[in-house]
Amino acid sequence: MGLDNALHNAVDERKAQYPESVARSEKLFNFYSDLSLWDTFRSLHPFILLTDEPLAIGILRSMAEMTDQQQAFPKWVLANIDINCMVGLHGGALVVEAAHSGLAKEFDLLTMQKMLLNQATQPWPKNQRTDLDHYLSEGYVSDETSDKSAPLTLTYAYDDSVLASLSLLVNDT
């Protein structure tokens, strides 16, 4: 069951989208969920990228599929539900690192960049930023809006840096 509540077969769908991957590794075709990206983007995922490239690609393909299915970049997906836990969209860092490592053609980079851009600049129904209008006009989340204004501001600035790097990679500056 996907994040769009439809039944999906990751193996069949990925074989159709990435036919050149068929003989490489089954990890490329597995759907990976339960990604606590806020907790793991700094250490676990860079380690996976260095030590198990097929697993890293499988995770990135899963993230692209989640993005497409729920029309929002994932925060923390458990099974087929994004629980919108934690702050920011730190999975973008995985996408940038993998793309800079030469894997941009292995997953749907453009879909994720477009969605991160939408969520960073527009009110969005899922995984929306707090105090977006104020953040965009003044550059910070106001204390009147959230008791987490400082960590939100820092997180959004980090996510914006990731988005800028992704946007350069897809020539959408």
Protein backbone atom coordinates (compact mmCIF):
# COMPACT_ATOMS: atom_id res chain seq x y z
CA MET A 1 0.00 0.00 0.00
CA GLY A 2 1.48 3.31 -1.05
CA LEU A 3 1.18 6.72 0.53
CA ASP A 4 -1.62 7.41 -1.97
CA ASN A 5 -3.56 4.44 -0.50
CA ALA A 6 -3.22 2.56 -3.79
CA LEU A 7 -1.68 -0.86 -4.18
CA HIS A 8 1.81 -0.70 -5.75
CA ASN A 9 4.33 -3.29 -6.83
CA ALA A 10 7.71 -1.59 -6.43
CA VAL A 11 9.54 -4.32 -8.35
CA ASP A 12 7.34 -4.14 -11.44
CA GLU A 13 7.10 -0.34 -11.39
CA ARG A 14 10.86 0.10 -11.00
CA LYS A 15 11.69 -2.47 -13.68
CA ALA A 16 9.55 -0.43 -16.07
CA GLN A 17 11.11 2.88 -15.01
CA TYR A 18 14.72 1.68 -14.70
CA PRO A 19 15.14 -1.25 -17.14
CA GLU A 20 18.94 -0.99 -17.08
CA SER A 21 18.90 -1.88 -13.35
CA VAL A 22 17.28 -5.29 -13.74
CA ALA A 23 20.39 -7.46 -13.35
CA ARG A 24 22.24 -5.32 -10.80
CA SER A 25 20.72 -5.87 -7.34
CA GLU A 26 17.38 -6.66 -5.76
CA LYS A 27 17.98 -3.78 -3.31
CA LEU A 28 17.28 -1.41 -6.21
CA PHE A 29 13.73 -2.77 -6.38
CA ASN A 30 12.81 -3.00 -2.70
CA PHE A 31 10.57 -0.33 -1.20
CA TYR A 32 12.12 1.18 1.92
CA SER A 33 9.99 2.86 4.55
CA ASP A 34 10.29 3.72 8.24
CA LEU A 35 12.99 6.27 7.43
CA SER A 36 13.57 8.52 10.41
CA LEU A 37 15.36 11.02 8.18
CA TRP A 38 15.83 13.71 10.82
CA ASP A 39 17.73 11.21 12.95
CA THR A 40 19.74 9.51 10.20
CA PHE A 41 20.62 12.00 7.46
CA ARG A 42 23.94 13.03 9.04
CA SER A 43 25.55 9.64 9.61
CA LEU A 44 23.62 6.52 8.62
CA HIS A 45 22.70 7.55 5.08
CA PRO A 46 26.16 8.85 4.10
CA PHE A 47 27.55 5.56 5.46
CA ILE A 48 25.04 3.57 3.37
CA LEU A 49 25.97 5.63 0.31
CA LEU A 50 29.65 4.76 0.84
CA THR A 51 29.21 1.09 1.69
CA ASP A 52 26.05 -0.15 -0.08
CA GLU A 53 25.23 1.86 -3.19
CA PRO A 54 22.31 -0.37 -4.31
CA LEU A 55 20.66 0.10 -0.90
CA ALA A 56 21.19 3.87 -1.09
CA ILE A 57 19.61 3.95 -4.55
CA GLY A 58 16.69 1.82 -3.36
CA ILE A 59 16.07 4.25 -0.50
CA LEU A 60 16.25 7.26 -2.84
CA ARG A 61 13.85 5.62 -5.29
CA SER A 62 11.49 4.95 -2.39
CA MET A 63 11.69 8.59 -1.33
CA ALA A 64 10.91 9.74 -4.88
CA GLU A 65 7.94 7.38 -4.99
CA MET A 66 6.72 8.63 -1.61
CA THR A 67 7.03 12.20 -2.86
CA ASP A 68 5.00 11.41 -5.95
CA GLN A 69 2.39 9.35 -4.10
CA GLN A 70 1.61 11.87 -1.37
CA GLN A 71 2.46 15.02 -3.35
CA ALA A 72 4.84 16.12 -0.60
CA PHE A 73 8.47 15.37 0.22
CA PRO A 74 8.54 12.83 3.08
CA LYS A 75 9.50 13.71 6.64
CA TRP A 76 9.13 10.43 8.51
CA VAL A 77 7.21 7.64 6.83
CA LEU A 78 6.09 4.67 8.91
CA ALA A 79 4.73 1.91 6.66
CA ASN A 80 2.55 3.95 4.29
CA ILE A 81 1.84 7.01 6.45
CA ASP A 82 3.97 10.14 6.73
CA ILE A 83 3.54 11.03 10.38
CA ASN A 84 4.86 14.60 9.87
CA CYS A 85 7.12 14.24 12.87
CA MET A 86 10.24 16.33 13.50
CA VAL A 87 11.05 19.61 11.79
CA GLY A 88 12.31 20.28 8.31
CA LEU A 89 12.82 18.02 5.31
CA HIS A 90 16.28 16.62 5.96
CA GLY A 91 15.89 13.85 3.42
CA GLY A 92 16.85 16.49 0.87
CA ALA A 93 20.43 16.16 2.13
CA LEU A 94 20.44 12.49 1.06
CA VAL A 95 19.25 13.48 -2.39
CA VAL A 96 21.96 16.14 -2.80
CA GLU A 97 24.75 13.89 -1.57
CA ALA A 98 23.70 11.03 -3.87
CA ALA A 99 23.38 13.36 -6.85
CA HIS A 100 26.83 14.83 -6.19
CA SER A 101 28.15 11.27 -5.95
CA GLY A 102 27.12 10.64 -9.54
CA LEU A 103 23.83 8.84 -8.90
CA ALA A 104 21.41 11.50 -10.18
CA LYS A 105 20.21 9.29 -13.05
CA GLU A 106 19.37 6.43 -10.65
CA PHE A 107 16.32 8.14 -9.11
CA ASP A 108 13.80 10.90 -9.84
CA LEU A 109 15.83 13.92 -8.77
CA LEU A 110 13.63 16.44 -10.56
CA THR A 111 10.39 15.36 -8.83
CA MET A 112 11.98 15.74 -5.42
CA GLN A 113 13.56 19.12 -6.25
CA LYS A 114 10.25 20.50 -7.54
CA MET A 115 8.39 19.32 -4.46
CA LEU A 116 10.99 20.71 -2.07
CA LEU A 117 10.74 24.04 -3.92
CA ASN A 118 6.94 24.03 -3.68
CA GLN A 119 6.98 23.20 0.02
CA ALA A 120 9.61 25.88 0.72
CA THR A 121 7.78 28.68 -1.06
CA GLN A 122 4.03 27.95 -0.92
CA PRO A 123 1.46 26.92 1.65
CA TRP A 124 1.28 23.16 1.25
CA PRO A 125 -1.30 20.66 2.51
CA LYS A 126 1.28 18.17 3.82
CA ASN A 127 4.54 18.76 5.71
CA GLN A 128 4.02 22.51 5.52
CA ARG A 129 6.43 25.04 6.97
CA THR A 130 5.36 26.99 10.04
CA ASP A 131 4.96 30.78 9.61
CA LEU A 132 5.89 30.54 5.92
CA ASP A 133 4.88 34.07 4.87
CA HIS A 134 6.89 35.67 7.68
CA TYR A 135 9.88 33.40 7.04
CA LEU A 136 9.88 34.26 3.33
CA SER A 137 9.54 38.02 3.91
CA GLU A 138 11.71 38.45 7.04
CA GLY A 139 14.01 35.43 6.96
CA TYR A 140 12.99 33.88 10.27
CA VAL A 141 10.09 32.18 12.02
CA SER A 142 8.55 34.58 14.52
CA ASP A 143 8.51 33.74 18.21
CA GLU A 144 4.85 34.80 18.31
CA THR A 145 3.98 32.00 15.90
CA SER A 146 5.93 29.14 17.43
CA ASP A 147 7.79 28.37 20.63
CA LYS A 148 10.24 26.53 18.34
CA SER A 149 11.04 29.59 16.22
CA ALA A 150 14.84 29.33 16.55
CA PRO A 151 15.19 25.64 15.58
CA LEU A 152 12.60 26.08 12.82
CA THR A 153 14.50 29.05 11.39
CA LEU A 154 17.80 27.15 11.48
CA THR A 155 16.21 24.06 9.94
CA TYR A 156 14.55 26.03 7.15
CA ALA A 157 17.82 27.82 6.37
CA TYR A 158 19.60 24.45 6.15
CA ASP A 159 16.82 23.01 3.98
CA ASP A 160 16.98 26.10 1.74
CA SER A 161 20.71 25.53 1.27
CA VAL A 162 20.03 21.92 0.28
CA LEU A 163 17.29 23.10 -2.10
CA ALA A 164 19.66 25.64 -3.69
CA SER A 165 22.20 22.89 -4.34
CA LEU A 166 19.51 20.61 -5.81
CA SER A 167 18.22 23.45 -7.97
CA LEU A 168 21.69 24.02 -9.40
CA LEU A 169 21.94 20.33 -10.27
CA VAL A 170 18.69 20.43 -12.27
CA ASN A 171 19.36 23.91 -13.75
CA ASP A 172 16.36 25.49 -12.02
CA THR A 173 17.83 28.49 -10.25
